[in-house]
Amino acid sequence: MKAEIIKPKKEVKETRNLLTPIIYLVLGILLMFKSNEVVELLFYVLGIIIIIYGIKSFVVYYQNKELVQYKNINLTIAIASIIIGVLLIILSGVLEASIRYVLGFFFIFIGISRLLTAISFNDYKNFSTISNIVLIALGIYSIFFSNAVLVIIGIILVINAIMLFVDYFREHKN
């Protein structure tokens, strides 16, 4: 009796390999150039999901309100979920800006404190000085323009997508 090796279909692998870099490229470009809007959209989607969960909790409450364990818990969860969901949608712009400011000030704080520590130990003539200045610049960029962390993630995704495209076409050239 001979053991037979089952290999996956090549077509499925090709489709998946081409789909992944396309998704990375689109997501990366969105994060690079529209990171603020992506964060706001994320809060909208999160708010809608929480509202749907609240509505589901209302339904469960009304279906089982005569049972003791469902008395007020699901009603409270439903009301709280809907309020939180609506607040996430209404305050999405404020939340996006506050995330940018918090990250920006955090980068500036870390950069300045590390730079001052290096200067106090007379150890400022190395690569860490440059990285601290870059952190400060990223913080300023984050506060005034866009979320620097998401822009960096977007750049990484675009680079990864390009490498995946190159691999895909190199593999299928033969």
Protein backbone atom coordinates (compact mmCIF):
# COMPACT_ATOMS: atom_id res chain seq x y z
CA MET A 1 0.00 0.00 0.00
CA LYS A 2 1.41 3.31 -1.10
CA ALA A 3 0.84 6.61 0.77
CA GLU A 4 -0.41 9.37 -1.47
CA ILE A 5 0.47 13.01 -0.87
CA ILE A 6 -2.40 15.43 -1.39
CA LYS A 7 -1.26 18.79 -2.67
CA PRO A 8 -3.43 21.94 -2.49
CA LYS A 9 -4.78 23.32 -5.72
CA LYS A 10 -2.44 25.85 -7.23
CA GLU A 11 -5.25 28.25 -8.26
CA VAL A 12 -6.36 28.86 -4.68
CA LYS A 13 -2.82 29.66 -3.61
CA GLU A 14 -2.32 32.12 -6.50
CA THR A 15 -5.53 34.00 -5.72
CA ARG A 16 -4.67 34.28 -2.05
CA ASN A 17 -1.14 35.41 -2.76
CA LEU A 18 -2.35 38.20 -5.02
CA LEU A 19 -5.23 39.23 -2.75
CA THR A 20 -3.03 39.74 0.33
CA PRO A 21 -0.70 42.36 -1.19
CA ILE A 22 -3.69 44.20 -2.67
CA ILE A 23 -5.30 44.41 0.77
CA TYR A 24 -1.98 45.49 2.33
CA LEU A 25 -1.48 48.13 -0.36
CA VAL A 26 -4.97 49.64 -0.01
CA LEU A 27 -4.83 49.61 3.79
CA GLY A 28 -1.30 51.01 3.79
CA ILE A 29 -2.18 53.87 1.43
CA LEU A 30 -5.26 54.70 3.51
CA LEU A 31 -3.19 54.75 6.70
CA MET A 32 -0.42 56.82 5.07
CA PHE A 33 -2.63 59.53 3.64
CA LYS A 34 -5.94 59.31 5.53
CA SER A 35 -5.00 57.95 8.97
CA ASN A 36 -7.23 60.46 10.78
CA GLU A 37 -10.24 59.41 8.72
CA VAL A 38 -9.43 55.72 9.23
CA VAL A 39 -9.42 56.20 13.01
CA GLU A 40 -12.75 58.08 12.84
CA LEU A 41 -14.22 55.33 10.66
CA LEU A 42 -12.99 52.77 13.17
CA PHE A 43 -14.88 54.60 15.94
CA TYR A 44 -18.01 54.73 13.74
CA VAL A 45 -17.83 50.99 13.07
CA LEU A 46 -17.13 50.25 16.74
CA GLY A 47 -20.09 52.45 17.75
CA ILE A 48 -22.41 50.66 15.30
CA ILE A 49 -21.27 47.24 16.55
CA ILE A 50 -21.91 48.27 20.17
CA ILE A 51 -25.36 49.67 19.24
CA ILE A 52 -26.22 46.38 17.49
CA TYR A 53 -25.11 44.51 20.61
CA GLY A 54 -27.35 46.80 22.70
CA ILE A 55 -30.33 46.13 20.42
CA LYS A 56 -29.63 42.39 20.68
CA SER A 57 -29.57 42.73 24.48
CA PHE A 58 -32.97 44.49 24.34
CA VAL A 59 -34.39 41.61 22.31
CA VAL A 60 -32.98 39.03 24.74
CA TYR A 61 -34.38 41.00 27.65
CA TYR A 62 -37.89 41.17 26.18
CA GLN A 63 -37.82 37.51 25.18
CA ASN A 64 -36.76 36.39 28.67
CA LYS A 65 -37.96 39.16 31.00
CA GLU A 66 -40.03 36.76 33.11
CA LEU A 67 -36.90 34.77 34.04
CA VAL A 68 -35.15 36.03 37.17
CA GLN A 69 -31.61 35.92 35.73
CA TYR A 70 -32.62 38.22 32.85
CA LYS A 71 -34.52 40.72 35.00
CA ASN A 72 -32.44 43.90 34.80
CA ILE A 73 -29.01 42.80 33.59
CA ASN A 74 -29.78 42.70 29.87
CA LEU A 75 -31.87 45.87 30.06
CA THR A 76 -28.99 47.73 31.75
CA ILE A 77 -26.47 46.30 29.27
CA ALA A 78 -28.75 47.26 26.37
CA ILE A 79 -29.19 50.86 27.50
CA ALA A 80 -25.50 51.29 28.35
CA SER A 81 -24.41 49.74 25.03
CA ILE A 82 -26.64 51.97 22.97
CA ILE A 83 -25.52 55.10 24.85
CA ILE A 84 -21.82 54.15 24.50
CA GLY A 85 -22.28 53.31 20.82
CA VAL A 86 -23.98 56.63 20.09
CA LEU A 87 -21.27 58.50 22.03
CA LEU A 88 -18.54 56.74 20.04
CA ILE A 89 -20.18 57.83 16.81
CA ILE A 90 -20.84 61.40 17.94
CA LEU A 91 -17.41 61.85 19.54
CA SER A 92 -15.37 60.00 16.89
CA GLY A 93 -13.61 63.19 15.77
CA VAL A 94 -12.75 64.21 19.33
CA LEU A 95 -11.51 60.71 20.16
CA GLU A 96 -9.34 60.64 17.03
CA ALA A 97 -7.80 64.00 17.90
CA SER A 98 -7.21 62.99 21.51
CA ILE A 99 -5.41 59.83 20.43
CA ARG A 100 -3.18 61.92 18.17
CA TYR A 101 -2.45 64.41 20.94
CA VAL A 102 -1.74 61.76 23.55
CA LEU A 103 0.61 59.86 21.23
CA GLY A 104 2.22 63.10 20.06
CA PHE A 105 2.90 64.38 23.55
CA PHE A 106 4.10 60.92 24.59
CA PHE A 107 6.64 60.86 21.73
CA ILE A 108 7.79 64.39 22.56
CA PHE A 109 8.11 63.55 26.27
CA ILE A 110 10.07 60.34 25.64
CA GLY A 111 12.32 62.04 23.06
CA ILE A 112 13.09 65.04 25.27
CA SER A 113 13.65 62.99 28.42
CA ARG A 114 15.99 60.57 26.63
CA LEU A 115 17.81 63.46 24.96
CA LEU A 116 18.26 65.28 28.29
CA THR A 117 19.49 62.08 29.92
CA ALA A 118 22.03 61.58 27.14
CA ILE A 119 23.20 65.20 27.45
CA SER A 120 23.50 64.95 31.24
CA PHE A 121 25.73 61.87 30.87
CA ASN A 122 27.67 63.59 28.07
CA ASP A 123 26.63 60.76 25.76
CA TYR A 124 24.92 62.70 22.99
CA LYS A 125 27.28 62.04 20.09
CA ASN A 126 25.76 58.75 18.98
CA PHE A 127 22.82 57.27 17.11
CA SER A 128 20.42 57.51 20.08
CA THR A 129 20.54 61.32 19.81
CA ILE A 130 19.21 61.10 16.27
CA SER A 131 16.49 58.64 17.32
CA ASN A 132 15.44 60.97 20.14
CA ILE A 133 15.18 63.90 17.73
CA VAL A 134 13.15 61.70 15.38
CA LEU A 135 10.81 60.85 18.29
CA ILE A 136 10.31 64.55 19.01
CA ALA A 137 9.65 65.25 15.33
CA LEU A 138 7.17 62.35 15.16
CA GLY A 139 5.40 63.76 18.20
CA ILE A 140 5.10 67.19 16.63
CA TYR A 141 3.93 65.65 13.35
CA SER A 142 1.37 63.57 15.23
CA ILE A 143 -0.05 66.58 17.06
CA PHE A 144 -0.35 68.93 14.09
CA PHE A 145 -0.93 66.70 11.07
CA SER A 146 -1.71 63.03 11.39
CA ASN A 147 -1.24 60.03 13.64
CA ALA A 148 2.45 59.26 13.09
CA VAL A 149 2.16 55.68 14.34
CA LEU A 150 -0.55 54.84 11.82
CA VAL A 151 1.37 56.57 9.02
CA ILE A 152 4.42 54.44 9.86
CA ILE A 153 2.26 51.30 9.91
CA GLY A 154 0.85 52.38 6.53
CA ILE A 155 4.37 52.77 5.10
CA ILE A 156 5.33 49.34 6.40
CA LEU A 157 2.19 47.80 4.85
CA VAL A 158 2.92 49.42 1.47
CA ILE A 159 6.53 48.18 1.54
CA ASN A 160 5.30 44.71 2.50
CA ALA A 161 2.73 44.78 -0.32
CA ILE A 162 5.40 45.75 -2.85
CA MET A 163 7.63 42.88 -1.69
CA LEU A 164 4.69 40.44 -1.92
CA PHE A 165 3.87 41.68 -5.44
CA VAL A 166 7.50 41.22 -6.50
CA ASP A 167 7.55 37.70 -5.04
CA TYR A 168 4.25 36.85 -6.70
CA PHE A 169 5.29 38.03 -10.15
CA ARG A 170 8.76 36.50 -9.84
CA GLU A 171 7.15 33.18 -8.89
CA HIS A 172 4.66 33.28 -11.78
CA LYS A 173 7.10 34.55 -14.39
CA ASN A 174 8.48 31.06 -14.93
